[in-house]
N, C-alpha and C. Protein backbone atom coordinates (compact mmCIF):
# COMPACT_ATOMS: atom_id res chain seq x y z
N MET A 1 -110.11 -257.95 -113.14
CA MET A 1 -108.77 -257.81 -113.67
C MET A 1 -108.84 -257.29 -115.10
N LEU A 2 -107.98 -256.32 -115.42
CA LEU A 2 -107.94 -255.75 -116.76
C LEU A 2 -107.25 -256.69 -117.73
N GLU A 3 -107.79 -256.73 -118.92
CA GLU A 3 -107.14 -257.51 -119.97
C GLU A 3 -106.53 -256.54 -120.96
N TYR A 4 -105.32 -256.82 -121.35
CA TYR A 4 -104.63 -255.99 -122.30
C TYR A 4 -104.63 -256.68 -123.65
N PRO A 5 -104.73 -255.88 -124.71
CA PRO A 5 -104.70 -256.51 -126.03
C PRO A 5 -103.35 -257.15 -126.27
N THR A 6 -103.37 -258.30 -126.90
CA THR A 6 -102.12 -258.99 -127.18
C THR A 6 -101.41 -258.39 -128.38
N LYS A 7 -102.17 -257.72 -129.24
CA LYS A 7 -101.56 -257.11 -130.43
C LYS A 7 -101.91 -255.63 -130.42
N VAL A 8 -100.89 -254.80 -130.45
CA VAL A 8 -101.11 -253.36 -130.49
C VAL A 8 -100.76 -252.88 -131.88
N GLU A 9 -101.74 -252.23 -132.53
CA GLU A 9 -101.53 -251.72 -133.88
C GLU A 9 -100.94 -250.32 -133.81
N SER A 10 -100.19 -249.99 -134.83
CA SER A 10 -99.59 -248.66 -134.88
C SER A 10 -100.69 -247.62 -135.10
N PRO A 11 -100.46 -246.39 -134.64
CA PRO A 11 -101.46 -245.32 -134.87
C PRO A 11 -101.73 -245.11 -136.35
N ARG A 12 -100.71 -245.26 -137.18
CA ARG A 12 -100.89 -245.07 -138.63
C ARG A 12 -101.85 -246.13 -139.18
N LYS A 13 -101.66 -247.38 -138.76
CA LYS A 13 -102.54 -248.44 -139.23
C LYS A 13 -103.96 -248.21 -138.73
N GLN A 14 -104.10 -247.80 -137.48
CA GLN A 14 -105.43 -247.52 -136.95
C GLN A 14 -106.09 -246.40 -137.74
N PHE A 15 -105.33 -245.35 -138.06
CA PHE A 15 -105.87 -244.25 -138.84
C PHE A 15 -106.29 -244.74 -140.21
N TYR A 16 -105.44 -245.50 -140.88
CA TYR A 16 -105.74 -246.00 -142.21
C TYR A 16 -106.99 -246.87 -142.18
N ASP A 17 -107.07 -247.75 -141.18
CA ASP A 17 -108.22 -248.64 -141.09
C ASP A 17 -109.50 -247.87 -140.85
N ASN A 18 -109.41 -246.75 -140.15
CA ASN A 18 -110.60 -245.96 -139.85
C ASN A 18 -110.86 -244.86 -140.86
N CYS A 19 -109.89 -244.54 -141.67
CA CYS A 19 -109.99 -243.37 -142.54
C CYS A 19 -110.41 -243.73 -143.95
N CYS A 20 -109.63 -244.51 -144.62
CA CYS A 20 -109.91 -244.76 -146.03
C CYS A 20 -109.75 -246.24 -146.37
N HIS A 21 -110.58 -246.64 -147.28
CA HIS A 21 -110.52 -248.02 -147.75
C HIS A 21 -110.44 -247.97 -149.27
N LEU A 22 -109.38 -248.54 -149.79
CA LEU A 22 -109.17 -248.55 -151.23
C LEU A 22 -109.56 -249.91 -151.78
N SER A 23 -110.01 -249.88 -153.02
CA SER A 23 -110.26 -251.15 -153.68
C SER A 23 -108.90 -251.82 -153.88
N PRO A 24 -108.87 -253.13 -153.99
CA PRO A 24 -107.59 -253.81 -154.20
C PRO A 24 -106.87 -253.32 -155.46
N GLU A 25 -107.63 -253.01 -156.49
CA GLU A 25 -107.02 -252.52 -157.73
C GLU A 25 -106.36 -251.16 -157.53
N LEU A 26 -107.07 -250.26 -156.85
CA LEU A 26 -106.52 -248.93 -156.60
C LEU A 26 -105.33 -248.99 -155.66
N GLU A 27 -105.39 -249.85 -154.67
CA GLU A 27 -104.26 -250.01 -153.75
C GLU A 27 -103.04 -250.53 -154.50
N ALA A 28 -103.25 -251.46 -155.42
CA ALA A 28 -102.13 -252.00 -156.20
C ALA A 28 -101.50 -250.91 -157.07
N ILE A 29 -102.34 -250.08 -157.67
CA ILE A 29 -101.82 -248.97 -158.50
C ILE A 29 -101.01 -248.01 -157.64
N LEU A 30 -101.54 -247.69 -156.47
CA LEU A 30 -100.86 -246.77 -155.57
C LEU A 30 -99.53 -247.35 -155.09
N ARG A 31 -99.54 -248.62 -154.72
CA ARG A 31 -98.29 -249.26 -154.27
C ARG A 31 -97.27 -249.33 -155.40
N ASP A 32 -97.73 -249.60 -156.62
CA ASP A 32 -96.83 -249.65 -157.78
C ASP A 32 -96.21 -248.28 -158.04
N LYS A 33 -97.03 -247.25 -157.96
CA LYS A 33 -96.52 -245.88 -158.16
C LYS A 33 -95.48 -245.53 -157.10
N ALA A 34 -95.76 -245.88 -155.85
CA ALA A 34 -94.82 -245.61 -154.76
C ALA A 34 -93.51 -246.36 -154.97
N ALA A 35 -93.61 -247.61 -155.40
CA ALA A 35 -92.41 -248.41 -155.64
C ALA A 35 -91.57 -247.82 -156.77
N ARG A 36 -92.24 -247.39 -157.84
CA ARG A 36 -91.52 -246.78 -158.97
C ARG A 36 -90.81 -245.50 -158.56
N GLN A 37 -91.42 -244.75 -157.65
CA GLN A 37 -90.83 -243.49 -157.19
C GLN A 37 -89.85 -243.71 -156.04
N GLY A 38 -89.84 -244.92 -155.50
CA GLY A 38 -88.96 -245.20 -154.37
C GLY A 38 -89.38 -244.46 -153.11
N GLN A 39 -90.69 -244.27 -152.94
CA GLN A 39 -91.20 -243.53 -151.79
C GLN A 39 -92.19 -244.39 -151.02
N ASP A 40 -92.43 -243.98 -149.79
CA ASP A 40 -93.42 -244.64 -148.95
C ASP A 40 -94.80 -244.46 -149.56
N VAL A 41 -95.61 -245.50 -149.53
CA VAL A 41 -96.93 -245.46 -150.14
C VAL A 41 -97.81 -244.39 -149.47
N ASN A 42 -97.65 -244.17 -148.18
CA ASN A 42 -98.44 -243.14 -147.49
C ASN A 42 -98.07 -241.73 -147.97
N LEU A 43 -96.78 -241.52 -148.24
CA LEU A 43 -96.33 -240.22 -148.73
C LEU A 43 -96.90 -239.96 -150.13
N VAL A 44 -96.85 -240.98 -150.97
CA VAL A 44 -97.38 -240.84 -152.34
C VAL A 44 -98.88 -240.57 -152.28
N ALA A 45 -99.60 -241.30 -151.44
CA ALA A 45 -101.05 -241.09 -151.31
C ALA A 45 -101.35 -239.69 -150.80
N SER A 46 -100.57 -239.22 -149.83
CA SER A 46 -100.78 -237.88 -149.28
C SER A 46 -100.55 -236.81 -150.34
N LYS A 47 -99.48 -236.97 -151.12
CA LYS A 47 -99.18 -236.00 -152.17
C LYS A 47 -100.28 -235.97 -153.23
N LEU A 48 -100.76 -237.15 -153.63
CA LEU A 48 -101.82 -237.22 -154.63
C LEU A 48 -103.11 -236.56 -154.11
N LEU A 49 -103.46 -236.87 -152.89
CA LEU A 49 -104.66 -236.29 -152.30
C LEU A 49 -104.53 -234.78 -152.16
N ALA A 50 -103.37 -234.32 -151.73
CA ALA A 50 -103.15 -232.87 -151.60
C ALA A 50 -103.27 -232.18 -152.95
N THR A 51 -102.71 -232.80 -153.99
CA THR A 51 -102.78 -232.23 -155.33
C THR A 51 -104.22 -232.10 -155.81
N VAL A 52 -104.99 -233.15 -155.61
CA VAL A 52 -106.40 -233.13 -156.04
C VAL A 52 -107.19 -232.09 -155.27
N LEU A 53 -107.00 -232.04 -153.95
CA LEU A 53 -107.75 -231.08 -153.12
C LEU A 53 -107.37 -229.64 -153.44
N GLU A 54 -106.08 -229.39 -153.70
CA GLU A 54 -105.64 -228.04 -154.05
C GLU A 54 -106.22 -227.61 -155.40
N LYS A 55 -106.24 -228.54 -156.36
CA LYS A 55 -106.81 -228.23 -157.68
C LYS A 55 -108.30 -227.94 -157.56
N GLU A 56 -109.01 -228.74 -156.76
CA GLU A 56 -110.43 -228.51 -156.54
C GLU A 56 -110.67 -227.15 -155.90
N HIS A 57 -109.84 -226.79 -154.94
CA HIS A 57 -109.97 -225.48 -154.27
C HIS A 57 -109.73 -224.35 -155.27
N ARG A 58 -108.70 -224.47 -156.10
CA ARG A 58 -108.42 -223.44 -157.11
C ARG A 58 -109.58 -223.32 -158.09
N ASN A 59 -110.14 -224.45 -158.51
CA ASN A 59 -111.27 -224.42 -159.44
C ASN A 59 -112.47 -223.72 -158.83
N ARG A 60 -112.71 -223.96 -157.55
CA ARG A 60 -113.82 -223.31 -156.85
C ARG A 60 -113.59 -221.80 -156.78
N GLN A 61 -112.35 -221.41 -156.47
CA GLN A 61 -112.03 -219.98 -156.40
C GLN A 61 -112.21 -219.32 -157.77
N THR A 62 -111.80 -219.99 -158.82
CA THR A 62 -111.96 -219.47 -160.18
C THR A 62 -113.43 -219.30 -160.51
N ALA A 63 -114.25 -220.28 -160.15
CA ALA A 63 -115.69 -220.20 -160.43
C ALA A 63 -116.33 -219.03 -159.69
N VAL A 64 -115.91 -218.77 -158.46
CA VAL A 64 -116.46 -217.65 -157.69
C VAL A 64 -116.07 -216.33 -158.34
N VAL A 65 -114.81 -216.22 -158.75
CA VAL A 65 -114.36 -214.98 -159.40
C VAL A 65 -115.14 -214.76 -160.70
N GLN A 66 -115.31 -215.83 -161.50
CA GLN A 66 -116.04 -215.70 -162.75
C GLN A 66 -117.50 -215.30 -162.51
N ALA A 67 -118.12 -215.87 -161.47
CA ALA A 67 -119.50 -215.51 -161.14
C ALA A 67 -119.59 -214.05 -160.70
N ASP A 68 -118.60 -213.58 -159.96
CA ASP A 68 -118.59 -212.19 -159.52
C ASP A 68 -118.39 -211.23 -160.69
N GLU A 69 -117.64 -211.65 -161.70
CA GLU A 69 -117.35 -210.80 -162.84
C GLU A 69 -118.46 -210.81 -163.89
N LEU A 70 -119.38 -211.76 -163.82
CA LEU A 70 -120.41 -211.91 -164.84
C LEU A 70 -121.28 -210.67 -165.02
N PRO A 71 -121.80 -210.05 -163.96
CA PRO A 71 -122.63 -208.85 -164.19
C PRO A 71 -121.87 -207.74 -164.94
N THR A 72 -120.61 -207.56 -164.60
CA THR A 72 -119.81 -206.54 -165.28
C THR A 72 -119.62 -206.89 -166.75
N GLN A 73 -119.34 -208.16 -167.04
CA GLN A 73 -119.16 -208.59 -168.43
C GLN A 73 -120.46 -208.45 -169.22
N LEU A 74 -121.59 -208.78 -168.61
CA LEU A 74 -122.88 -208.64 -169.30
C LEU A 74 -123.19 -207.18 -169.58
N LEU A 75 -122.90 -206.31 -168.62
CA LEU A 75 -123.11 -204.89 -168.82
C LEU A 75 -122.25 -204.37 -169.95
N LYS A 76 -120.99 -204.79 -169.99
CA LYS A 76 -120.07 -204.35 -171.03
C LYS A 76 -120.52 -204.86 -172.41
N THR A 77 -121.00 -206.10 -172.47
CA THR A 77 -121.38 -206.71 -173.74
C THR A 77 -122.74 -206.21 -174.24
N TYR A 78 -123.73 -206.14 -173.37
CA TYR A 78 -125.10 -205.86 -173.81
C TYR A 78 -125.62 -204.50 -173.38
N GLY A 79 -124.89 -203.80 -172.57
CA GLY A 79 -125.35 -202.50 -172.10
C GLY A 79 -126.31 -202.66 -170.94
N GLU A 80 -126.86 -201.52 -170.51
CA GLU A 80 -127.74 -201.54 -169.36
C GLU A 80 -129.17 -201.82 -169.81
N PHE A 81 -129.83 -202.68 -169.06
CA PHE A 81 -131.23 -203.00 -169.34
C PHE A 81 -132.09 -202.36 -168.26
N PRO A 82 -133.28 -201.93 -168.66
CA PRO A 82 -134.19 -201.41 -167.64
C PRO A 82 -134.59 -202.54 -166.69
N ASP A 83 -134.93 -202.17 -165.49
CA ASP A 83 -135.33 -203.16 -164.50
C ASP A 83 -136.58 -203.88 -164.98
N SER A 84 -136.54 -205.19 -165.04
CA SER A 84 -137.67 -205.96 -165.55
C SER A 84 -138.89 -205.86 -164.65
N VAL A 85 -138.70 -205.64 -163.36
CA VAL A 85 -139.82 -205.50 -162.44
C VAL A 85 -140.65 -204.28 -162.82
N GLU A 86 -139.98 -203.18 -163.13
CA GLU A 86 -140.69 -201.97 -163.54
C GLU A 86 -141.43 -202.20 -164.85
N LEU A 87 -140.84 -202.93 -165.77
CA LEU A 87 -141.51 -203.21 -167.04
C LEU A 87 -142.75 -204.07 -166.83
N ILE A 88 -142.68 -205.02 -165.93
CA ILE A 88 -143.84 -205.86 -165.64
C ILE A 88 -144.96 -205.02 -165.03
N ARG A 89 -144.62 -204.15 -164.11
CA ARG A 89 -145.63 -203.27 -163.51
C ARG A 89 -146.28 -202.38 -164.57
N GLU A 90 -145.46 -201.87 -165.47
CA GLU A 90 -145.97 -201.01 -166.54
C GLU A 90 -146.93 -201.79 -167.43
N ASP A 91 -146.58 -203.02 -167.79
CA ASP A 91 -147.44 -203.84 -168.64
C ASP A 91 -148.75 -204.15 -167.93
N ARG A 92 -148.71 -204.44 -166.65
CA ARG A 92 -149.92 -204.79 -165.90
C ARG A 92 -150.85 -203.60 -165.71
N SER A 93 -150.27 -202.42 -165.70
CA SER A 93 -151.09 -201.24 -165.48
C SER A 93 -151.85 -200.83 -166.74
N ARG A 94 -151.55 -201.38 -167.86
CA ARG A 94 -152.22 -201.01 -169.12
C ARG A 94 -153.55 -201.64 -169.26
């Protein structure tokens, strides 16, 4: 005979229990912020997480662009340098 659970948890609670665990202090801060804004704590947490992840993504994109622009900036600032491999070969041949 099948036994059914006597208590069925909501999908949101199951997700929260399996997804993230906050320290009591951080949970209190989050709940306080949600209460001050008059919003659901899950909505506030989602917005905060989205903001952080979007900022991290933008920072990564900026770093990639800066890395791609570096050779051009070095060329503009210092001019063209001879290939160091050729210079090493020349030194070794002496």
